[in-house]
Amino acid sequence: MSVTYILNPQVSLAETDDGAVLLHERTGRYWQLNTTGFSVLRSLTSGQTSEEAAQTLASQRSISATRARDDIAVLLGSLCSADLLRERR
């Protein structure tokens, strides 16, 4: 089964010139994503799996698929551990 993701309902997102800012309304903590991180977040929350998002990232940024998968795994880990992103059910 392929895993897809959604933003935690308690998270607000604001797009900026340099990417996006996420606010976890329960904790009051902010996170900032650069344009690449925001692009990946959009891919993940629009229904792409992490593998599909890695393929998109690799083609957009001219990097290897392995590097894209590794980078997305780190980003996913950070977003999920901060309770900003959750698996879609």
PDB file of N, CA and C in Angstrom:
ATOM      1  N   MET A   1       0.836  -1.186   0.000  1.00  0.00           N
ATOM      2  CA  MET A   1       0.000   0.000   0.000  1.00  0.00           C
ATOM      3  C   MET A   1       0.884   1.254   0.000  1.00  0.00           C
ATOM      4  N   SER A   2       0.557   2.204  -0.833  1.00  0.00           N
ATOM      5  CA  SER A   2       1.331   3.441  -0.935  1.00  0.00           C
ATOM      6  C   SER A   2       0.859   4.440   0.106  1.00  0.00           C
ATOM      7  N   VAL A   3       1.817   5.050   0.763  1.00  0.00           N
ATOM      8  CA  VAL A   3       1.503   6.026   1.805  1.00  0.00           C
ATOM      9  C   VAL A   3       1.486   7.418   1.196  1.00  0.00           C
ATOM     10  N   THR A   4       0.422   8.170   1.503  1.00  0.00           N
ATOM     11  CA  THR A   4       0.349   9.577   1.123  1.00  0.00           C
ATOM     12  C   THR A   4       0.147  10.375   2.406  1.00  0.00           C
ATOM     13  N   TYR A   5       0.238  11.681   2.319  1.00  0.00           N
ATOM     14  CA  TYR A   5       0.290  12.518   3.516  1.00  0.00           C
ATOM     15  C   TYR A   5      -0.674  13.693   3.441  1.00  0.00           C
ATOM     16  N   ILE A   6      -1.039  14.188   4.634  1.00  0.00           N
ATOM     17  CA  ILE A   6      -1.835  15.408   4.784  1.00  0.00           C
ATOM     18  C   ILE A   6      -1.198  16.256   5.873  1.00  0.00           C
ATOM     19  N   LEU A   7      -1.458  17.559   5.815  1.00  0.00           N
ATOM     20  CA  LEU A   7      -1.039  18.426   6.921  1.00  0.00           C
ATOM     21  C   LEU A   7      -1.911  18.124   8.134  1.00  0.00           C
ATOM     22  N   ASN A   8      -1.316  18.189   9.298  1.00  0.00           N
ATOM     23  CA  ASN A   8      -2.069  18.093  10.541  1.00  0.00           C
ATOM     24  C   ASN A   8      -3.112  19.221  10.502  1.00  0.00           C
ATOM     25  N   PRO A   9      -4.363  18.945  10.866  1.00  0.00           N
ATOM     26  CA  PRO A   9      -5.386  19.991  10.845  1.00  0.00           C
ATOM     27  C   PRO A   9      -5.061  21.192  11.734  1.00  0.00           C
ATOM     28  N   GLN A  10      -4.162  21.020  12.702  1.00  0.00           N
ATOM     29  CA  GLN A  10      -3.779  22.118  13.588  1.00  0.00           C
ATOM     30  C   GLN A  10      -2.618  22.942  13.037  1.00  0.00           C
ATOM     31  N   VAL A  11      -2.260  22.700  11.769  1.00  0.00           N
ATOM     32  CA  VAL A  11      -1.129  23.401  11.165  1.00  0.00           C
ATOM     33  C   VAL A  11      -1.633  24.375  10.103  1.00  0.00           C
ATOM     34  N   SER A  12      -1.180  25.612  10.209  1.00  0.00           N
ATOM     35  CA  SER A  12      -1.464  26.631   9.202  1.00  0.00           C
ATOM     36  C   SER A  12      -0.239  26.794   8.326  1.00  0.00           C
ATOM     37  N   LEU A  13      -0.477  27.013   7.050  1.00  0.00           N
ATOM     38  CA  LEU A  13       0.608  27.175   6.091  1.00  0.00           C
ATOM     39  C   LEU A  13       0.458  28.518   5.401  1.00  0.00           C
ATOM     40  N   ALA A  14       1.552  29.251   5.312  1.00  0.00           N
ATOM     41  CA  ALA A  14       1.568  30.514   4.583  1.00  0.00           C
ATOM     42  C   ALA A  14       2.716  30.477   3.592  1.00  0.00           C
ATOM     43  N   GLU A  15       2.392  30.672   2.323  1.00  0.00           N
ATOM     44  CA  GLU A  15       3.427  30.717   1.291  1.00  0.00           C
ATOM     45  C   GLU A  15       4.170  32.040   1.390  1.00  0.00           C
ATOM     46  N   THR A  16       5.487  31.988   1.202  1.00  0.00           N
ATOM     47  CA  THR A  16       6.336  33.184   1.223  1.00  0.00           C
ATOM     48  C   THR A  16       7.110  33.264  -0.084  1.00  0.00           C
ATOM     49  N   ASP A  17       7.840  34.337  -0.277  1.00  0.00           N
ATOM     50  CA  ASP A  17       8.674  34.470  -1.465  1.00  0.00           C
ATOM     51  C   ASP A  17       9.768  33.406  -1.511  1.00  0.00           C
ATOM     52  N   ASP A  18      10.186  32.939  -0.339  1.00  0.00           N
ATOM     53  CA  ASP A  18      11.286  31.982  -0.249  1.00  0.00           C
ATOM     54  C   ASP A  18      10.832  30.565   0.070  1.00  0.00           C
ATOM     55  N   GLY A  19       9.539  30.270   0.015  1.00  0.00           N
ATOM     56  CA  GLY A  19       9.041  28.932   0.317  1.00  0.00           C
ATOM     57  C   GLY A  19       7.739  28.999   1.076  1.00  0.00           C
ATOM     58  N   ALA A  20       7.768  28.573   2.341  1.00  0.00           N
ATOM     59  CA  ALA A  20       6.555  28.584   3.153  1.00  0.00           C
ATOM     60  C   ALA A  20       6.914  28.581   4.632  1.00  0.00           C
ATOM     61  N   VAL A  21       5.949  29.014   5.432  1.00  0.00           N
ATOM     62  CA  VAL A  21       6.065  28.964   6.884  1.00  0.00           C
ATOM     63  C   VAL A  21       4.895  28.136   7.384  1.00  0.00           C
ATOM     64  N   LEU A  22       5.190  27.222   8.298  1.00  0.00           N
ATOM     65  CA  LEU A  22       4.175  26.389   8.913  1.00  0.00           C
ATOM     66  C   LEU A  22       4.067  26.776  10.379  1.00  0.00           C
ATOM     67  N   LEU A  23       2.853  26.887  10.875  1.00  0.00           N
ATOM     68  CA  LEU A  23       2.607  27.190  12.281  1.00  0.00           C
ATOM     69  C   LEU A  23       1.776  26.061  12.865  1.00  0.00           C
ATOM     70  N   HIS A  24       2.316  25.423  13.893  1.00  0.00           N
ATOM     71  CA  HIS A  24       1.541  24.421  14.632  1.00  0.00           C
ATOM     72  C   HIS A  24       0.767  25.201  15.681  1.00  0.00           C
ATOM     73  N   GLU A  25      -0.534  25.320  15.481  1.00  0.00           N
ATOM     74  CA  GLU A  25      -1.350  26.192  16.324  1.00  0.00           C
ATOM     75  C   GLU A  25      -1.434  25.730  17.772  1.00  0.00           C
ATOM     76  N   ARG A  26      -1.325  24.435  18.030  1.00  0.00           N
ATOM     77  CA  ARG A  26      -1.389  23.937  19.412  1.00  0.00           C
ATOM     78  C   ARG A  26      -0.118  24.289  20.180  1.00  0.00           C
ATOM     79  N   THR A  27       1.047  24.119  19.528  1.00  0.00           N
ATOM     80  CA  THR A  27       2.312  24.361  20.230  1.00  0.00           C
ATOM     81  C   THR A  27       2.817  25.792  20.065  1.00  0.00           C
ATOM     82  N   GLY A  28       2.340  26.491  19.026  1.00  0.00           N
ATOM     83  CA  GLY A  28       2.821  27.840  18.754  1.00  0.00           C
ATOM     84  C   GLY A  28       4.175  27.886  18.067  1.00  0.00           C
ATOM     85  N   ARG A  29       4.682  26.717  17.655  1.00  0.00           N
ATOM     86  CA  ARG A  29       5.996  26.676  17.002  1.00  0.00           C
ATOM     87  C   ARG A  29       5.861  26.896  15.496  1.00  0.00           C
ATOM     88  N   TYR A  30       6.856  27.588  14.940  1.00  0.00           N
ATOM     89  CA  TYR A  30       6.931  27.871  13.503  1.00  0.00           C
ATOM     90  C   TYR A  30       8.032  27.045  12.867  1.00  0.00           C
ATOM     91  N   TRP A  31       7.842  26.674  11.625  1.00  0.00           N
ATOM     92  CA  TRP A  31       8.874  26.034  10.813  1.00  0.00           C
ATOM     93  C   TRP A  31       8.893  26.740   9.476  1.00  0.00           C
ATOM     94  N   GLN A  32      10.075  26.893   8.928  1.00  0.00           N
ATOM     95  CA  GLN A  32      10.226  27.528   7.632  1.00  0.00           C
ATOM     96  C   GLN A  32      10.766  26.506   6.638  1.00  0.00           C
ATOM     97  N   LEU A  33      10.158  26.470   5.448  1.00  0.00           N
ATOM     98  CA  LEU A  33      10.628  25.614   4.362  1.00  0.00           C
ATOM     99  C   LEU A  33      11.119  26.494   3.226  1.00  0.00           C
ATOM    100  N   ASN A  34      12.258  26.124   2.652  1.00  0.00           N
ATOM    101  CA  ASN A  34      12.716  26.841   1.462  1.00  0.00           C
ATOM    102  C   ASN A  34      11.855  26.413   0.277  1.00  0.00           C
ATOM    103  N   THR A  35      12.110  26.969  -0.892  1.00  0.00           N
ATOM    104  CA  THR A  35      11.268  26.682  -2.055  1.00  0.00           C
ATOM    105  C   THR A  35      11.277  25.199  -2.422  1.00  0.00           C
ATOM    106  N   THR A  36      12.421  24.546  -2.281  1.00  0.00           N
ATOM    107  CA  THR A  36      12.494  23.117  -2.590  1.00  0.00           C
ATOM    108  C   THR A  36      11.685  22.309  -1.585  1.00  0.00           C
ATOM    109  N   GLY A  37      11.828  22.604  -0.309  1.00  0.00           N
ATOM    110  CA  GLY A  37      11.061  21.905   0.718  1.00  0.00           C
ATOM    111  C   GLY A  37       9.566  22.104   0.537  1.00  0.00           C
ATOM    112  N   PHE A  38       9.175  23.317   0.176  1.00  0.00           N
ATOM    113  CA  PHE A  38       7.760  23.598  -0.037  1.00  0.00           C
ATOM    114  C   PHE A  38       7.238  22.853  -1.263  1.00  0.00           C
ATOM    115  N   SER A  39       8.046  22.777  -2.295  1.00  0.00           N
ATOM    116  CA  SER A  39       7.666  22.024  -3.493  1.00  0.00           C
ATOM    117  C   SER A  39       7.438  20.549  -3.151  1.00  0.00           C
ATOM    118  N   VAL A  40       8.319  19.989  -2.344  1.00  0.00           N
ATOM    119  CA  VAL A  40       8.170  18.595  -1.919  1.00  0.00           C
ATOM    120  C   VAL A  40       6.911  18.442  -1.067  1.00  0.00           C
ATOM    121  N   LEU A  41       6.686  19.364  -0.139  1.00  0.00           N
ATOM    122  CA  LEU A  41       5.496  19.310   0.697  1.00  0.00           C
ATOM    123  C   LEU A  41       4.230  19.341  -0.158  1.00  0.00           C
ATOM    124  N   ARG A  42       4.195  20.205  -1.153  1.00  0.00           N
ATOM    125  CA  ARG A  42       3.028  20.265  -2.055  1.00  0.00           C
ATOM    126  C   ARG A  42       2.834  18.942  -2.775  1.00  0.00           C
ATOM    127  N   SER A  43       3.936  18.336  -3.235  1.00  0.00           N
ATOM    128  CA  SER A  43       3.832  17.039  -3.907  1.00  0.00           C
ATOM    129  C   SER A  43       3.252  15.993  -2.966  1.00  0.00           C
ATOM    130  N   LEU A  44       3.770  15.951  -1.750  1.00  0.00           N
ATOM    131  CA  LEU A  44       3.330  14.950  -0.783  1.00  0.00           C
ATOM    132  C   LEU A  44       1.874  15.139  -0.365  1.00  0.00           C
ATOM    133  N   THR A  45       1.441  16.386  -0.208  1.00  0.00           N
ATOM    134  CA  THR A  45       0.069  16.637   0.240  1.00  0.00           C
ATOM    135  C   THR A  45      -0.930  16.661  -0.913  1.00  0.00           C
ATOM    136  N   SER A  46      -0.434  16.562  -2.142  1.00  0.00           N
ATOM    137  CA  SER A  46      -1.348  16.495  -3.287  1.00  0.00           C
ATOM    138  C   SER A  46      -1.610  15.057  -3.714  1.00  0.00           C
ATOM    139  N   GLY A  47      -1.096  14.102  -2.923  1.00  0.00           N
ATOM    140  CA  GLY A  47      -1.390  12.707  -3.197  1.00  0.00           C
ATOM    141  C   GLY A  47      -0.231  11.883  -3.722  1.00  0.00           C
ATOM    142  N   GLN A  48       0.918  12.517  -3.956  1.00  0.00           N
ATOM    143  CA  GLN A  48       2.075  11.747  -4.404  1.00  0.00           C
ATOM    144  C   GLN A  48       2.671  10.973  -3.224  1.00  0.00           C
ATOM    145  N   THR A  49       3.152   9.777  -3.507  1.00  0.00           N
ATOM    146  CA  THR A  49       3.913   9.023  -2.506  1.00  0.00           C
ATOM    147  C   THR A  49       5.292   9.647  -2.394  1.00  0.00           C
ATOM    148  N   SER A  50       6.058   9.242  -1.403  1.00  0.00           N
ATOM    149  CA  SER A  50       7.414   9.783  -1.267  1.00  0.00           C
ATOM    150  C   SER A  50       8.269   9.397  -2.475  1.00  0.00           C
ATOM    151  N   GLU A  51       8.059   8.213  -3.029  1.00  0.00           N
ATOM    152  CA  GLU A  51       8.818   7.793  -4.218  1.00  0.00           C
ATOM    153  C   GLU A  51       8.458   8.663  -5.414  1.00  0.00           C
ATOM    154  N   GLU A  52       7.177   8.950  -5.606  1.00  0.00           N
ATOM    155  CA  GLU A  52       6.755   9.822  -6.710  1.00  0.00           C
ATOM    156  C   GLU A  52       7.294  11.237  -6.513  1.00  0.00           C
ATOM    157  N   ALA A  53       7.252  11.723  -5.275  1.00  0.00           N
ATOM    158  CA  ALA A  53       7.790  13.053  -4.985  1.00  0.00           C
ATOM    159  C   ALA A  53       9.288  13.094  -5.251  1.00  0.00           C
ATOM    160  N   ALA A  54       9.996  12.006  -4.944  1.00  0.00           N
ATOM    161  CA  ALA A  54      11.438  11.940  -5.219  1.00  0.00           C
ATOM    162  C   ALA A  54      11.710  11.982  -6.720  1.00  0.00           C
ATOM    163  N   GLN A  55      10.912  11.306  -7.495  1.00  0.00           N
ATOM    164  CA  GLN A  55      11.081  11.350  -8.956  1.00  0.00           C
ATOM    165  C   GLN A  55      10.843  12.762  -9.480  1.00  0.00           C
ATOM    166  N   THR A  56       9.817  13.419  -8.945  1.00  0.00           N
ATOM    167  CA  THR A  56       9.527  14.803  -9.336  1.00  0.00           C
ATOM    168  C   THR A  56      10.695  15.714  -8.966  1.00  0.00           C
ATOM    169  N   LEU A  57      11.176  15.587  -7.725  1.00  0.00           N
ATOM    170  CA  LEU A  57      12.289  16.414  -7.263  1.00  0.00           C
ATOM    171  C   LEU A  57      13.543  16.184  -8.094  1.00  0.00           C
ATOM    172  N   ALA A  58      13.857  14.931  -8.365  1.00  0.00           N
ATOM    173  CA  ALA A  58      15.056  14.608  -9.148  1.00  0.00           C
ATOM    174  C   ALA A  58      14.990  15.234 -10.531  1.00  0.00           C
ATOM    175  N   SER A  59      13.825  15.199 -11.159  1.00  0.00           N
ATOM    176  CA  SER A  59      13.718  15.771 -12.502  1.00  0.00           C
ATOM    177  C   SER A  59      13.725  17.299 -12.475  1.00  0.00           C
ATOM    178  N   GLN A  60      13.124  17.902 -11.452  1.00  0.00           N
ATOM    179  CA  GLN A  60      13.082  19.363 -11.354  1.00  0.00           C
ATOM    180  C   GLN A  60      14.435  19.966 -11.009  1.00  0.00           C
ATOM    181  N   ARG A  61      15.200  19.285 -10.169  1.00  0.00           N
ATOM    182  CA  ARG A  61      16.451  19.846  -9.652  1.00  0.00           C
ATOM    183  C   ARG A  61      17.703  19.219 -10.246  1.00  0.00           C
ATOM    184  N   SER A  62      17.520  18.307 -11.187  1.00  0.00           N
ATOM    185  CA  SER A  62      18.657  17.627 -11.840  1.00  0.00           C
ATOM    186  C   SER A  62      19.606  16.991 -10.817  1.00  0.00           C
ATOM    187  N   ILE A  63      19.007  16.227  -9.895  1.00  0.00           N
ATOM    188  CA  ILE A  63      19.802  15.478  -8.928  1.00  0.00           C
ATOM    189  C   ILE A  63      19.467  14.000  -9.088  1.00  0.00           C
ATOM    190  N   SER A  64      20.268  13.154  -8.494  1.00  0.00           N
ATOM    191  CA  SER A  64      20.022  11.713  -8.620  1.00  0.00           C
ATOM    192  C   SER A  64      18.765  11.324  -7.844  1.00  0.00           C
ATOM    193  N   ALA A  65      18.141  10.256  -8.281  1.00  0.00           N
ATOM    194  CA  ALA A  65      16.951   9.749  -7.596  1.00  0.00           C
ATOM    195  C   ALA A  65      17.291   9.329  -6.166  1.00  0.00           C
ATOM    196  N   THR A  66      18.483   8.787  -5.982  1.00  0.00           N
ATOM    197  CA  THR A  66      18.905   8.373  -4.641  1.00  0.00           C
ATOM    198  C   THR A  66      19.003   9.575  -3.712  1.00  0.00           C
ATOM    199  N   ARG A  67      19.614  10.633  -4.182  1.00  0.00           N
ATOM    200  CA  ARG A  67      19.728  11.852  -3.364  1.00  0.00           C
ATOM    201  C   ARG A  67      18.351  12.415  -3.054  1.00  0.00           C
ATOM    202  N   ALA A  68      17.472  12.432  -4.053  1.00  0.00           N
ATOM    203  CA  ALA A  68      16.115  12.945  -3.845  1.00  0.00           C
ATOM    204  C   ALA A  68      15.373  12.108  -2.806  1.00  0.00           C
ATOM    205  N   ARG A  69      15.473  10.780  -2.887  1.00  0.00           N
ATOM    206  CA  ARG A  69      14.816   9.910  -1.912  1.00  0.00           C
ATOM    207  C   ARG A  69      15.358  10.150  -0.508  1.00  0.00           C
ATOM    208  N   ASP A  70      16.677  10.274  -0.404  1.00  0.00           N
ATOM    209  CA  ASP A  70      17.301  10.519   0.904  1.00  0.00           C
ATOM    210  C   ASP A  70      16.854  11.855   1.492  1.00  0.00           C
ATOM    211  N   ASP A  71      16.856  12.896   0.663  1.00  0.00           N
ATOM    212  CA  ASP A  71      16.458  14.225   1.135  1.00  0.00           C
ATOM    213  C   ASP A  71      14.997  14.233   1.579  1.00  0.00           C
ATOM    214  N   ILE A  72      14.138  13.570   0.811  1.00  0.00           N
ATOM    215  CA  ILE A  72      12.721  13.527   1.164  1.00  0.00           C
ATOM    216  C   ILE A  72      12.507  12.720   2.439  1.00  0.00           C
ATOM    217  N   ALA A  73      13.262  11.654   2.613  1.00  0.00           N
ATOM    218  CA  ALA A  73      13.145  10.863   3.844  1.00  0.00           C
ATOM    219  C   ALA A  73      13.481  11.706   5.070  1.00  0.00           C
ATOM    220  N   VAL A  74      14.512  12.531   4.967  1.00  0.00           N
ATOM    221  CA  VAL A  74      14.896  13.412   6.085  1.00  0.00           C
ATOM    222  C   VAL A  74      13.801  14.444   6.341  1.00  0.00           C
ATOM    223  N   LEU A  75      13.300  15.062   5.267  1.00  0.00           N
ATOM    224  CA  LEU A  75      12.242  16.059   5.417  1.00  0.00           C
ATOM    225  C   LEU A  75      10.989  15.426   6.013  1.00  0.00           C
ATOM    226  N   LEU A  76      10.592  14.280   5.501  1.00  0.00           N
ATOM    227  CA  LEU A  76       9.417  13.583   6.034  1.00  0.00           C
ATOM    228  C   LEU A  76       9.589  13.252   7.515  1.00  0.00           C
ATOM    229  N   GLY A  77      10.750  12.767   7.871  1.00  0.00           N
ATOM    230  CA  GLY A  77      11.016  12.459   9.270  1.00  0.00           C
ATOM    231  C   GLY A  77      10.857  13.676  10.158  1.00  0.00           C
ATOM    232  N   SER A  78      11.392  14.794   9.715  1.00  0.00           N
ATOM    233  CA  SER A  78      11.302  16.035  10.497  1.00  0.00           C
ATOM    234  C   SER A  78       9.868  16.529  10.609  1.00  0.00           C
ATOM    235  N   LEU A  79       9.145  16.535   9.491  1.00  0.00           N
ATOM    236  CA  LEU A  79       7.772  17.032   9.495  1.00  0.00           C
ATOM    237  C   LEU A  79       6.846  16.135  10.314  1.00  0.00           C
ATOM    238  N   CYS A  80       7.035  14.833  10.207  1.00  0.00           N
ATOM    239  CA  CYS A  80       6.188  13.901  10.963  1.00  0.00           C
ATOM    240  C   CYS A  80       6.524  13.930  12.453  1.00  0.00           C
ATOM    241  N   SER A  81       7.796  13.997  12.799  1.00  0.00           N
ATOM    242  CA  SER A  81       8.154  14.016  14.221  1.00  0.00           C
ATOM    243  C   SER A  81       7.711  15.315  14.894  1.00  0.00           C
ATOM    244  N   ALA A  82       7.593  16.396  14.132  1.00  0.00           N
ATOM    245  CA  ALA A  82       7.102  17.652  14.675  1.00  0.00           C
ATOM    246  C   ALA A  82       5.571  17.721  14.644  1.00  0.00           C
ATOM    247  N   ASP A  83       4.928  16.643  14.197  1.00  0.00           N
ATOM    248  CA  ASP A  83       3.468  16.537  14.103  1.00  0.00           C
ATOM    249  C   ASP A  83       2.877  17.577  13.151  1.00  0.00           C
ATOM    250  N   LEU A  84       3.631  17.901  12.114  1.00  0.00           N
ATOM    251  CA  LEU A  84       3.126  18.819  11.091  1.00  0.00           C
ATOM    252  C   LEU A  84       2.441  18.064   9.962  1.00  0.00           C
ATOM    253  N   LEU A  85       2.912  16.874   9.703  1.00  0.00           N
ATOM    254  CA  LEU A  85       2.451  16.056   8.586  1.00  0.00           C
ATOM    255  C   LEU A  85       2.037  14.709   9.121  1.00  0.00           C
ATOM    256  N   ARG A  86       0.969  14.159   8.563  1.00  0.00           N
ATOM    257  CA  ARG A  86       0.469  12.853   8.992  1.00  0.00           C
ATOM    258  C   ARG A  86       0.164  11.993   7.775  1.00  0.00           C
ATOM    259  N   GLU A  87       0.194  10.688   7.983  1.00  0.00           N
ATOM    260  CA  GLU A  87      -0.208   9.787   6.913  1.00  0.00           C
ATOM    261  C   GLU A  87      -1.693   9.960   6.662  1.00  0.00           C
ATOM    262  N   ARG A  88      -2.035   9.961   5.369  1.00  0.00           N
ATOM    263  CA  ARG A  88      -3.441  10.065   4.968  1.00  0.00           C
ATOM    264  C   ARG A  88      -4.104   8.715   5.246  1.00  0.00           C
ATOM    265  N   ARG A  89      -5.263   8.736   5.816  1.00  0.00           N
ATOM    266  CA  ARG A  89      -5.993   7.497   6.118  1.00  0.00           C
ATOM    267  C   ARG A  89      -7.267   7.411   5.335  1.00  0.00           C
TER     268      ARG A  89
END
